[in-house]
N, C-alpha and C. Protein backbone atom coordinates (compact mmCIF):
# COMPACT_ATOMS: atom_id res chain seq x y z
N MET A 1 0.81 -1.18 0.00
CA MET A 1 0.00 0.00 0.00
C MET A 1 0.87 1.26 0.00
N LYS A 2 1.96 1.19 0.77
CA LYS A 2 2.86 2.33 0.83
C LYS A 2 3.49 2.60 -0.54
N LYS A 3 3.75 1.53 -1.28
CA LYS A 3 4.36 1.68 -2.60
C LYS A 3 3.40 2.37 -3.57
N ILE A 4 2.13 2.03 -3.50
CA ILE A 4 1.13 2.63 -4.38
C ILE A 4 1.00 4.12 -4.08
N VAL A 5 0.95 4.48 -2.83
CA VAL A 5 0.85 5.89 -2.43
C VAL A 5 2.11 6.64 -2.87
N LEU A 6 3.26 6.01 -2.72
CA LEU A 6 4.51 6.63 -3.12
C LEU A 6 4.56 6.86 -4.63
N VAL A 7 4.13 5.89 -5.41
CA VAL A 7 4.10 6.01 -6.87
C VAL A 7 3.14 7.12 -7.29
N ILE A 8 1.98 7.20 -6.63
CA ILE A 8 0.99 8.24 -6.95
C ILE A 8 1.56 9.62 -6.61
N LEU A 9 2.22 9.74 -5.50
CA LEU A 9 2.79 11.02 -5.10
C LEU A 9 3.92 11.46 -6.02
N LEU A 10 4.65 10.51 -6.56
CA LEU A 10 5.74 10.86 -7.48
C LEU A 10 5.23 11.20 -8.88
N THR A 11 4.18 10.57 -9.34
CA THR A 11 3.65 10.82 -10.68
C THR A 11 2.72 12.02 -10.75
N LEU A 12 2.11 12.39 -9.65
CA LEU A 12 1.18 13.51 -9.62
C LEU A 12 1.83 14.83 -10.05
N PRO A 13 3.02 15.17 -9.56
CA PRO A 13 3.66 16.42 -10.03
C PRO A 13 3.98 16.38 -11.53
N LEU A 14 4.30 15.22 -12.07
CA LEU A 14 4.57 15.10 -13.50
C LEU A 14 3.33 15.43 -14.33
N LEU A 15 2.18 15.00 -13.88
CA LEU A 15 0.95 15.28 -14.62
C LEU A 15 0.65 16.77 -14.68
N PHE A 16 0.88 17.47 -13.58
CA PHE A 16 0.57 18.90 -13.56
C PHE A 16 1.59 19.72 -14.36
N THR A 17 2.83 19.31 -14.37
CA THR A 17 3.82 20.07 -15.13
C THR A 17 3.74 19.77 -16.61
N ALA A 18 3.29 18.60 -17.00
CA ALA A 18 3.18 18.24 -18.40
C ALA A 18 1.99 18.90 -19.06
N CYS A 19 1.02 19.32 -18.34
CA CYS A 19 -0.19 19.91 -18.89
C CYS A 19 -0.14 21.44 -18.86
N LYS A 20 1.02 22.00 -19.03
CA LYS A 20 1.18 23.44 -19.01
C LYS A 20 0.89 24.00 -20.40
N LYS A 21 0.10 25.05 -20.48
CA LYS A 21 -0.26 25.65 -21.76
C LYS A 21 0.87 26.57 -22.21
N ASP A 22 1.33 26.37 -23.45
CA ASP A 22 2.36 27.23 -24.02
C ASP A 22 1.70 28.50 -24.54
N ASN A 23 2.27 29.63 -24.18
CA ASN A 23 1.71 30.91 -24.58
C ASN A 23 2.75 31.70 -25.35
N ASN A 24 3.39 31.03 -26.32
CA ASN A 24 4.44 31.67 -27.11
C ASN A 24 3.83 32.33 -28.33
N SER A 25 3.87 33.64 -28.38
CA SER A 25 3.42 34.34 -29.58
C SER A 25 4.65 34.61 -30.45
N PRO A 26 4.49 34.64 -31.76
CA PRO A 26 5.65 34.86 -32.63
C PRO A 26 6.27 36.24 -32.38
N VAL A 27 7.59 36.29 -32.47
CA VAL A 27 8.31 37.54 -32.24
C VAL A 27 8.04 38.53 -33.36
N ASN A 28 8.13 38.06 -34.60
CA ASN A 28 7.86 38.90 -35.77
C ASN A 28 6.70 38.30 -36.55
N PRO A 29 5.48 38.65 -36.21
CA PRO A 29 4.36 38.08 -36.95
C PRO A 29 4.34 38.58 -38.39
N LEU A 30 3.83 37.75 -39.28
CA LEU A 30 3.74 38.13 -40.68
C LEU A 30 2.69 39.21 -40.87
N PRO A 31 2.96 40.18 -41.74
CA PRO A 31 1.97 41.24 -41.97
C PRO A 31 0.76 40.69 -42.70
N ASP A 32 -0.38 41.34 -42.47
CA ASP A 32 -1.62 40.93 -43.14
C ASP A 32 -1.73 41.51 -44.54
N SER A 33 -1.05 42.62 -44.81
CA SER A 33 -1.11 43.23 -46.14
C SER A 33 0.26 43.81 -46.47
N THR A 34 0.44 44.16 -47.74
CA THR A 34 1.72 44.74 -48.17
C THR A 34 1.95 46.13 -47.60
N GLU A 35 0.88 46.82 -47.23
CA GLU A 35 1.03 48.15 -46.64
C GLU A 35 1.72 48.09 -45.28
N GLU A 36 1.65 46.96 -44.61
CA GLU A 36 2.25 46.81 -43.29
C GLU A 36 3.75 46.47 -43.36
N ILE A 37 4.26 46.15 -44.53
CA ILE A 37 5.67 45.78 -44.68
C ILE A 37 6.52 47.04 -44.55
N LYS A 38 7.54 46.97 -43.72
CA LYS A 38 8.46 48.09 -43.53
C LYS A 38 9.77 47.78 -44.24
N VAL A 39 10.10 48.60 -45.24
CA VAL A 39 11.30 48.41 -46.03
C VAL A 39 12.23 49.61 -45.80
N PRO A 40 13.52 49.38 -45.53
CA PRO A 40 14.44 50.50 -45.34
C PRO A 40 14.54 51.37 -46.60
N ASN A 41 14.78 52.65 -46.42
CA ASN A 41 14.86 53.58 -47.56
C ASN A 41 16.01 53.26 -48.51
N ASP A 42 17.10 52.68 -48.00
CA ASP A 42 18.24 52.39 -48.85
C ASP A 42 18.17 50.99 -49.50
N PHE A 43 17.05 50.29 -49.36
CA PHE A 43 16.90 48.96 -49.95
C PHE A 43 16.82 49.08 -51.47
N LYS A 44 17.61 48.27 -52.17
CA LYS A 44 17.60 48.25 -53.62
C LYS A 44 16.75 47.06 -54.08
N TRP A 45 15.79 47.32 -54.90
CA TRP A 45 14.85 46.29 -55.33
C TRP A 45 15.39 45.45 -56.47
N LYS A 46 16.59 45.71 -56.93
CA LYS A 46 17.15 44.96 -58.06
C LYS A 46 17.62 43.57 -57.62
N THR A 47 17.40 42.61 -58.46
CA THR A 47 17.89 41.25 -58.22
C THR A 47 19.02 40.89 -59.15
N SER A 48 19.39 41.84 -60.03
CA SER A 48 20.50 41.61 -60.95
C SER A 48 21.35 42.87 -61.03
N LYS A 49 22.57 42.69 -61.54
CA LYS A 49 23.46 43.83 -61.73
C LYS A 49 24.15 43.69 -63.08
N ASP A 50 24.51 44.82 -63.66
CA ASP A 50 25.17 44.84 -64.96
C ASP A 50 26.68 44.95 -64.77
N ILE A 51 27.40 44.13 -65.52
CA ILE A 51 28.86 44.08 -65.46
C ILE A 51 29.40 44.29 -66.87
N GLN A 52 30.44 45.08 -66.98
CA GLN A 52 31.15 45.24 -68.25
C GLN A 52 32.49 44.54 -68.10
N LEU A 53 32.72 43.49 -68.87
CA LEU A 53 33.93 42.67 -68.77
C LEU A 53 34.73 42.83 -70.05
N THR A 54 36.02 43.14 -69.91
CA THR A 54 36.92 43.26 -71.04
C THR A 54 37.99 42.19 -70.91
N VAL A 55 38.16 41.37 -71.97
CA VAL A 55 39.15 40.30 -71.94
C VAL A 55 40.04 40.39 -73.17
N LYS A 56 41.26 39.87 -73.02
CA LYS A 56 42.23 39.85 -74.11
C LYS A 56 43.07 38.60 -73.94
N GLY A 57 43.37 37.94 -75.05
CA GLY A 57 44.19 36.74 -75.00
C GLY A 57 45.27 36.76 -76.06
N ASN A 58 46.27 35.90 -75.93
CA ASN A 58 47.38 35.88 -76.87
C ASN A 58 47.17 34.91 -78.02
N ALA A 59 46.01 34.26 -78.07
CA ALA A 59 45.68 33.34 -79.17
C ALA A 59 44.18 33.36 -79.40
N ASP A 60 43.78 32.99 -80.62
CA ASP A 60 42.35 32.88 -80.89
C ASP A 60 41.77 31.77 -80.02
N GLY A 61 40.59 32.00 -79.47
CA GLY A 61 39.99 30.95 -78.66
C GLY A 61 38.70 31.39 -77.99
N MET A 62 38.05 30.43 -77.38
CA MET A 62 36.78 30.64 -76.70
C MET A 62 37.01 31.01 -75.24
N VAL A 63 36.34 32.06 -74.79
CA VAL A 63 36.36 32.46 -73.39
C VAL A 63 34.97 32.15 -72.83
N GLN A 64 34.95 31.43 -71.72
CA GLN A 64 33.69 31.15 -71.03
C GLN A 64 33.66 31.97 -69.74
N VAL A 65 32.53 32.61 -69.50
CA VAL A 65 32.31 33.36 -68.27
C VAL A 65 31.33 32.54 -67.44
N LEU A 66 31.77 32.12 -66.24
CA LEU A 66 30.97 31.24 -65.40
C LEU A 66 30.70 31.88 -64.04
N SER A 67 29.63 31.40 -63.40
CA SER A 67 29.34 31.82 -62.02
C SER A 67 30.35 31.17 -61.09
N SER A 68 30.32 31.57 -59.84
CA SER A 68 31.23 30.97 -58.86
C SER A 68 30.94 29.48 -58.65
N LYS A 69 29.73 29.05 -59.03
CA LYS A 69 29.35 27.64 -58.88
C LYS A 69 29.44 26.87 -60.19
N GLY A 70 29.92 27.51 -61.27
CA GLY A 70 30.16 26.81 -62.52
C GLY A 70 29.09 26.96 -63.58
N LYS A 71 28.06 27.76 -63.35
CA LYS A 71 27.01 27.98 -64.36
C LYS A 71 27.56 28.92 -65.43
N VAL A 72 27.41 28.52 -66.71
CA VAL A 72 27.92 29.32 -67.81
C VAL A 72 26.99 30.50 -68.05
N TYR A 73 27.54 31.72 -67.95
CA TYR A 73 26.78 32.93 -68.23
C TYR A 73 26.95 33.38 -69.68
N TRP A 74 28.17 33.19 -70.21
CA TRP A 74 28.44 33.71 -71.54
C TRP A 74 29.61 32.98 -72.14
N LYS A 75 29.59 32.85 -73.47
CA LYS A 75 30.73 32.32 -74.23
C LYS A 75 31.01 33.31 -75.35
N VAL A 76 32.27 33.60 -75.55
CA VAL A 76 32.64 34.52 -76.63
C VAL A 76 33.96 34.05 -77.24
N PHE A 77 34.05 34.15 -78.58
CA PHE A 77 35.29 33.80 -79.27
C PHE A 77 36.10 35.08 -79.41
N ILE A 78 37.34 35.03 -78.93
CA ILE A 78 38.19 36.21 -79.04
C ILE A 78 39.31 35.97 -80.04
N THR A 79 39.76 37.05 -80.66
CA THR A 79 40.86 37.02 -81.61
C THR A 79 42.15 37.37 -80.87
N ALA A 80 43.24 36.76 -81.29
CA ALA A 80 44.53 36.96 -80.62
C ALA A 80 44.89 38.44 -80.53
N ASN A 81 45.32 38.85 -79.36
CA ASN A 81 45.82 40.20 -79.07
C ASN A 81 44.82 41.32 -79.36
N LYS A 82 43.53 40.99 -79.38
CA LYS A 82 42.50 42.00 -79.54
C LYS A 82 41.57 41.95 -78.34
N THR A 83 41.14 43.10 -77.90
CA THR A 83 40.28 43.20 -76.73
C THR A 83 38.84 42.91 -77.12
N ALA A 84 38.18 42.12 -76.30
CA ALA A 84 36.75 41.84 -76.48
C ALA A 84 36.02 42.38 -75.26
N SER A 85 34.93 43.07 -75.52
CA SER A 85 34.14 43.64 -74.43
C SER A 85 32.82 42.90 -74.35
N ILE A 86 32.46 42.50 -73.13
CA ILE A 86 31.25 41.69 -72.91
C ILE A 86 30.38 42.41 -71.87
N GLY A 87 29.13 42.62 -72.21
CA GLY A 87 28.18 43.17 -71.26
C GLY A 87 27.36 42.03 -70.67
N LEU A 88 27.34 41.91 -69.35
CA LEU A 88 26.64 40.82 -68.68
C LEU A 88 25.65 41.36 -67.67
N THR A 89 24.56 40.65 -67.50
CA THR A 89 23.63 40.89 -66.41
C THR A 89 23.63 39.63 -65.57
N ILE A 90 24.05 39.79 -64.31
CA ILE A 90 24.21 38.63 -63.42
C ILE A 90 23.42 38.87 -62.13
N PRO A 91 23.12 37.81 -61.39
CA PRO A 91 22.42 37.98 -60.11
C PRO A 91 23.23 38.81 -59.12
N THR A 92 22.54 39.57 -58.28
CA THR A 92 23.23 40.44 -57.32
C THR A 92 23.98 39.65 -56.25
N TYR A 93 23.61 38.39 -56.02
CA TYR A 93 24.29 37.62 -54.99
C TYR A 93 25.68 37.14 -55.42
N GLU A 94 26.01 37.25 -56.69
CA GLU A 94 27.33 36.81 -57.16
C GLU A 94 28.41 37.75 -56.63
N THR A 95 29.47 37.19 -56.10
CA THR A 95 30.60 37.98 -55.61
C THR A 95 31.86 37.77 -56.45
N SER A 96 31.83 36.77 -57.32
CA SER A 96 32.98 36.52 -58.19
C SER A 96 32.53 35.81 -59.45
N LEU A 97 33.38 35.88 -60.48
CA LEU A 97 33.15 35.17 -61.75
C LEU A 97 34.39 34.35 -62.06
N GLN A 98 34.19 33.30 -62.83
CA GLN A 98 35.31 32.49 -63.31
C GLN A 98 35.41 32.69 -64.81
N LEU A 99 36.64 32.78 -65.31
CA LEU A 99 36.90 32.86 -66.74
C LEU A 99 37.70 31.64 -67.15
N LYS A 100 37.29 30.98 -68.23
CA LYS A 100 38.03 29.84 -68.74
C LYS A 100 38.46 30.15 -70.18
N TYR A 101 39.76 29.91 -70.44
CA TYR A 101 40.33 30.22 -71.75
C TYR A 101 41.60 29.40 -71.94
N GLN A 102 41.66 28.64 -73.00
CA GLN A 102 42.87 27.88 -73.36
C GLN A 102 43.40 27.04 -72.20
N GLY A 103 42.52 26.38 -71.45
CA GLY A 103 42.94 25.53 -70.35
C GLY A 103 43.22 26.28 -69.05
N GLN A 104 43.09 27.58 -69.06
CA GLN A 104 43.30 28.39 -67.86
C GLN A 104 41.95 28.71 -67.21
N THR A 105 41.91 28.73 -65.91
CA THR A 105 40.72 29.16 -65.16
C THR A 105 41.15 30.26 -64.20
N VAL A 106 40.47 31.40 -64.29
CA VAL A 106 40.80 32.56 -63.48
C VAL A 106 39.54 32.99 -62.74
N SER A 107 39.70 33.37 -61.48
CA SER A 107 38.58 33.88 -60.69
C SER A 107 38.72 35.39 -60.55
N LEU A 108 37.64 36.11 -60.86
CA LEU A 108 37.64 37.57 -60.73
C LEU A 108 36.64 37.97 -59.66
N GLU A 109 37.09 38.75 -58.69
CA GLU A 109 36.20 39.27 -57.65
C GLU A 109 35.40 40.44 -58.24
N LEU A 110 34.13 40.50 -57.94
CA LEU A 110 33.26 41.56 -58.46
C LEU A 110 33.33 42.78 -57.55
N THR A 111 34.44 43.49 -57.62
CA THR A 111 34.65 44.68 -56.81
C THR A 111 34.17 45.93 -57.51
N SER A 112 33.87 45.82 -58.79
CA SER A 112 33.44 46.96 -59.60
C SER A 112 32.49 46.46 -60.68
N ASP A 113 31.82 47.39 -61.35
CA ASP A 113 30.95 46.97 -62.46
C ASP A 113 31.71 46.94 -63.78
N LYS A 114 33.02 47.27 -63.74
CA LYS A 114 33.89 47.18 -64.92
C LYS A 114 35.10 46.34 -64.55
N LEU A 115 35.25 45.21 -65.22
CA LEU A 115 36.35 44.29 -64.94
C LEU A 115 37.19 44.09 -66.19
N ASN A 116 38.49 43.94 -66.00
CA ASN A 116 39.41 43.69 -67.11
C ASN A 116 40.29 42.49 -66.76
N HIS A 117 40.58 41.68 -67.79
CA HIS A 117 41.53 40.59 -67.58
C HIS A 117 42.24 40.29 -68.89
N GLU A 118 43.56 40.10 -68.78
CA GLU A 118 44.37 39.75 -69.95
C GLU A 118 44.99 38.38 -69.69
N PHE A 119 44.68 37.42 -70.55
CA PHE A 119 45.24 36.07 -70.44
C PHE A 119 46.63 36.06 -71.05
N GLN A 120 47.53 35.30 -70.45
CA GLN A 120 48.90 35.17 -70.94
C GLN A 120 49.07 33.92 -71.75
């Protein structure tokens, strides 16, 4: 009998603590309409950016412009020792581009909207 009373006394607090109602409201609730959305004044709504790329090589050949993950954005055939200018529109999240030419792969950081590279 003592064991039954002891078991009941030990399990009773568990029942009361397990049945606690959670009253967690979301910290940032979703707005009901677009008028309620607060956007900073300096926010740029563009999802792409324009890049002007100038390349030059010492032999005729194909230049591939790739994303940092290997997606081909552009291919252009260049003539030896002549400059080729390429206008690209790329996603704003890109921070670098890869150039492939004659077995060479070069990474260019997107520090400006005008980039130049000369292959050797």
